[in-house]
Amino acid sequence: MANVTNPRGLEPRRHLNGSPYNGQNTEMLIPSSDATAVYVGDIVKIAGASGAAGTVVNGRDCEGMPTVALATAGTTGQDIAGVVVGFLTDVTDLSKKHRVASTNRIALVCTDPTVVYEIQEDAVGSVLSATSVGLNAPYTTTAGSATTGLSAMALDSSAAATTSTLPLKIIGLAKTTGNAWNTAGAGSDPARVEVILNTGAYLPNTAGV
């Protein structure tokens, strides 16, 4: 059975030490000054500021809350904050499953650098194989779905390399039912793999952002 093409961004699965992901996250503000939509599973970066005094979003005081934005540079990531795992409820519209562009919304961000995520490769140009484990890779920055609220980010399989500055490190093949390395070639049958963040604002020995 072929792998299903269904990118959903990065999904937390466990920690590097084998313990299960416990769902902990950090509240971070995506301010209305940012004009790019953000979805669950997207990688976000430090926006270089925090909530101003008097900033209240759906009843939550955001003064001093770190601000983030969609990480649109898929090949680097010194400023990566983490991965969006959800949003606080928008009481003005309960149907909103993602953060709509140019609106204030509080994102729940997994910032722990030890978390292992599952992500689908894009299978464009070339595909991953057993020898890809241990390599680093960039990610695609395709916009997500306003219907599901889920990210469409995928691992850029054609650019997996030993390059130290690439943002994702491939840990192994995700052990989910029916998942396997792609033997059909580029253009179809993308595999799902486990990765950790290789670059980021909360990893050691990084410059301040």
Protein backbone atom coordinates (compact mmCIF):
# COMPACT_ATOMS: atom_id res chain seq x y z
CA MET A 1 0.00 0.00 0.00
CA ALA A 2 1.42 3.40 -1.02
CA ASN A 3 2.01 6.15 1.51
CA VAL A 4 -0.75 8.75 1.58
CA THR A 5 0.13 12.31 0.55
CA ASN A 6 -1.15 14.33 3.47
CA PRO A 7 1.36 16.87 4.87
CA ARG A 8 0.36 18.22 8.29
CA GLY A 9 3.48 20.08 9.30
CA LEU A 10 5.36 18.92 12.38
CA GLU A 11 3.54 16.77 14.95
CA PRO A 12 5.11 16.12 18.39
CA ARG A 13 5.57 12.42 19.10
CA ARG A 14 8.03 11.90 21.98
CA HIS A 15 11.25 13.11 23.57
CA LEU A 16 14.74 12.01 22.60
CA ASN A 17 15.09 10.11 25.89
CA GLY A 18 12.09 7.94 24.98
CA SER A 19 9.56 9.58 27.28
CA PRO A 20 6.17 10.48 25.73
CA TYR A 21 5.41 14.04 24.69
CA ASN A 22 3.52 15.55 27.62
CA GLY A 23 1.72 18.35 25.77
CA GLN A 24 3.51 21.19 27.54
CA ASN A 25 3.76 24.43 25.57
CA THR A 26 4.47 28.15 25.81
CA GLU A 27 1.93 30.87 25.09
CA MET A 28 3.26 33.24 22.42
CA LEU A 29 1.54 36.16 20.75
CA ILE A 30 1.19 36.50 16.99
CA PRO A 31 0.37 40.20 16.66
CA SER A 32 -2.11 41.76 14.26
CA SER A 33 0.80 43.63 12.62
CA ASP A 34 1.88 40.31 11.07
CA ALA A 35 0.14 39.69 7.73
CA THR A 36 0.87 35.95 7.33
CA ALA A 37 -1.55 33.24 8.45
CA VAL A 38 -0.25 30.56 10.83
CA TYR A 39 -1.48 26.97 11.20
CA VAL A 40 -1.14 24.10 13.68
CA GLY A 41 2.08 22.29 12.83
CA ASP A 42 3.86 25.36 11.48
CA ILE A 43 7.35 26.31 12.59
CA VAL A 44 7.41 29.80 14.06
CA LYS A 45 10.29 32.17 14.73
CA ILE A 46 11.00 34.83 17.35
CA ALA A 47 9.58 38.14 16.12
CA GLY A 48 11.95 40.25 18.19
CA ALA A 49 9.46 41.90 20.54
CA SER A 50 6.83 41.17 23.17
CA GLY A 51 3.28 42.21 23.92
CA ALA A 52 3.01 45.89 24.81
CA ALA A 53 1.43 47.16 28.01
CA GLY A 54 -2.35 47.07 27.69
CA THR A 55 -2.38 44.36 25.02
CA VAL A 56 -5.27 42.00 25.81
CA VAL A 57 -6.32 39.16 23.51
CA ASN A 58 -9.57 37.36 24.31
CA GLY A 59 -9.26 38.37 27.94
CA ARG A 60 -5.61 37.30 28.29
CA ASP A 61 -3.08 39.93 29.35
CA CYS A 62 -0.27 39.75 26.78
CA GLU A 63 2.08 42.33 28.26
CA GLY A 64 5.60 40.91 28.03
CA MET A 65 4.44 37.79 26.15
CA PRO A 66 7.02 36.88 23.46
CA THR A 67 5.86 37.47 19.89
CA VAL A 68 6.39 35.03 17.03
CA ALA A 69 5.77 34.86 13.30
CA LEU A 70 5.68 32.12 10.68
CA ALA A 71 9.20 30.89 9.91
CA THR A 72 9.28 31.48 6.17
CA ALA A 73 12.98 30.70 5.61
CA GLY A 74 12.94 26.93 5.24
CA THR A 75 16.70 26.49 4.92
CA THR A 76 17.87 28.22 8.12
CA GLY A 77 16.52 28.76 11.59
CA GLN A 78 18.71 30.35 14.25
CA ASP A 79 15.58 32.26 15.31
CA ILE A 80 13.16 29.30 15.43
CA ALA A 81 11.01 29.38 18.58
CA GLY A 82 9.33 26.03 18.05
CA VAL A 83 6.25 24.43 16.54
CA VAL A 84 2.63 25.54 16.92
CA VAL A 85 0.58 22.80 18.59
CA GLY A 86 -2.62 24.81 19.02
CA PHE A 87 -4.17 28.20 19.71
CA LEU A 88 -6.13 29.67 22.56
CA THR A 89 -9.81 29.96 21.64
CA ASP A 90 -10.84 33.03 19.68
CA VAL A 91 -14.04 33.96 21.49
CA THR A 92 -15.08 36.25 18.63
CA ASP A 93 -15.28 33.31 16.20
CA LEU A 94 -15.18 29.78 17.57
CA SER A 95 -14.91 28.34 14.06
CA LYS A 96 -11.37 29.66 13.53
CA LYS A 97 -8.98 26.72 13.61
CA HIS A 98 -5.89 28.68 12.59
CA ARG A 99 -4.50 32.16 13.12
CA VAL A 100 -5.94 34.40 10.42
CA ALA A 101 -3.55 36.94 8.89
CA SER A 102 -3.42 40.39 10.50
CA THR A 103 -5.21 39.34 13.70
CA ASN A 104 -4.02 39.01 17.29
CA ARG A 105 -3.96 35.39 18.42
CA ILE A 106 -2.15 33.49 21.12
CA ALA A 107 -0.32 30.43 19.80
CA LEU A 108 0.59 27.44 21.94
CA VAL A 109 4.16 26.67 20.93
CA CYS A 110 6.22 23.56 21.71
CA THR A 111 9.62 25.11 22.49
CA ASP A 112 11.37 22.07 23.99
CA PRO A 113 14.42 21.25 21.80
CA THR A 114 14.33 17.59 22.88
CA VAL A 115 10.95 16.89 21.25
CA VAL A 116 10.86 14.49 18.30
CA TYR A 117 8.36 15.42 15.58
CA GLU A 118 6.78 13.47 12.74
CA ILE A 119 6.74 15.16 9.33
CA GLN A 120 6.07 14.06 5.76
CA GLU A 121 8.68 14.47 3.04
CA ASP A 122 7.60 16.36 -0.07
CA ALA A 123 9.05 13.73 -2.46
CA VAL A 124 9.83 16.45 -5.00
CA GLY A 125 13.04 16.07 -7.01
CA SER A 126 14.20 13.08 -4.98
CA VAL A 127 13.08 11.02 -2.00
CA LEU A 128 14.46 9.98 1.36
CA SER A 129 15.91 6.53 1.96
CA ALA A 130 17.51 4.50 4.73
CA THR A 131 20.77 6.39 4.18
CA SER A 132 19.02 9.71 4.91
CA VAL A 133 18.90 9.03 8.65
CA GLY A 134 21.25 11.44 10.41
CA LEU A 135 21.16 14.03 7.64
CA ASN A 136 19.79 17.54 8.06
CA ALA A 137 17.11 19.02 5.82
CA PRO A 138 15.12 22.20 5.11
CA TYR A 139 11.35 22.37 5.09
CA THR A 140 8.82 23.70 2.59
CA THR A 141 6.77 26.77 3.50
CA THR A 142 3.50 25.95 1.74
CA ALA A 143 0.49 27.61 3.40
CA GLY A 144 -1.83 25.40 5.42
CA SER A 145 -5.58 24.78 5.23
CA ALA A 146 -8.13 27.22 6.63
CA THR A 147 -10.63 24.34 6.62
CA THR A 148 -8.66 21.95 8.83
CA GLY A 149 -6.42 24.53 10.49
CA LEU A 150 -3.42 22.29 9.80
CA SER A 151 -0.02 23.19 8.38
CA ALA A 152 1.16 22.05 4.95
CA MET A 153 4.86 22.27 5.78
CA ALA A 154 6.84 19.22 4.63
CA LEU A 155 10.46 18.12 4.70
CA ASP A 156 12.30 19.11 1.52
CA SER A 157 13.64 15.68 0.62
CA SER A 158 15.69 16.84 -2.38
CA ALA A 159 17.91 19.02 -0.17
CA ALA A 160 18.77 16.60 2.67
CA ALA A 161 22.49 16.98 3.40
CA THR A 162 25.17 17.08 6.07
CA THR A 163 24.98 20.91 6.15
CA SER A 164 25.04 21.98 9.80
CA THR A 165 22.79 25.04 9.39
CA LEU A 166 19.76 23.19 8.01
CA PRO A 167 16.85 23.36 10.49
CA LEU A 168 15.68 19.71 10.69
CA LYS A 169 17.67 16.59 11.64
CA ILE A 170 16.29 13.26 10.43
CA ILE A 171 16.08 10.73 13.27
CA GLY A 172 14.45 7.83 11.44
CA LEU A 173 11.39 6.50 9.66
CA ALA A 174 8.14 7.13 11.54
CA LYS A 175 6.74 3.82 12.78
CA THR A 176 3.13 4.37 11.76
CA THR A 177 0.89 1.83 10.09
CA GLY A 178 1.64 1.45 6.37
CA ASN A 179 4.53 3.92 6.37
CA ALA A 180 7.67 2.93 4.45
CA TRP A 181 10.56 4.46 2.57
CA ASN A 182 9.48 5.63 -0.86
CA THR A 183 10.53 3.18 -3.58
CA ALA A 184 8.27 4.63 -6.28
CA GLY A 185 10.50 7.65 -6.98
CA ALA A 186 9.90 11.36 -6.82
CA GLY A 187 6.41 12.73 -7.34
CA SER A 188 4.44 10.28 -5.23
CA ASP A 189 4.42 7.96 -2.22
CA PRO A 190 6.04 10.35 0.33
CA ALA A 191 7.35 8.80 3.53
CA ARG A 192 6.83 10.18 7.03
CA VAL A 193 9.94 10.58 9.15
CA GLU A 194 10.88 11.61 12.67
CA VAL A 195 12.97 14.75 13.09
CA ILE A 196 14.24 17.12 15.75
CA LEU A 197 14.93 20.83 15.38
CA ASN A 198 18.60 21.24 14.46
CA THR A 199 18.61 25.03 14.76
CA GLY A 200 16.65 27.33 17.03
CA ALA A 201 16.61 30.17 19.51
CA TYR A 202 16.50 27.82 22.50
CA LEU A 203 19.28 25.49 21.41
CA PRO A 204 22.72 25.99 23.02
CA ASN A 205 25.50 28.03 21.43
CA THR A 206 23.25 30.20 19.28
CA ALA A 207 23.48 33.95 18.86
CA GLY A 208 20.81 36.11 20.46
CA VAL A 209 17.87 36.95 18.20
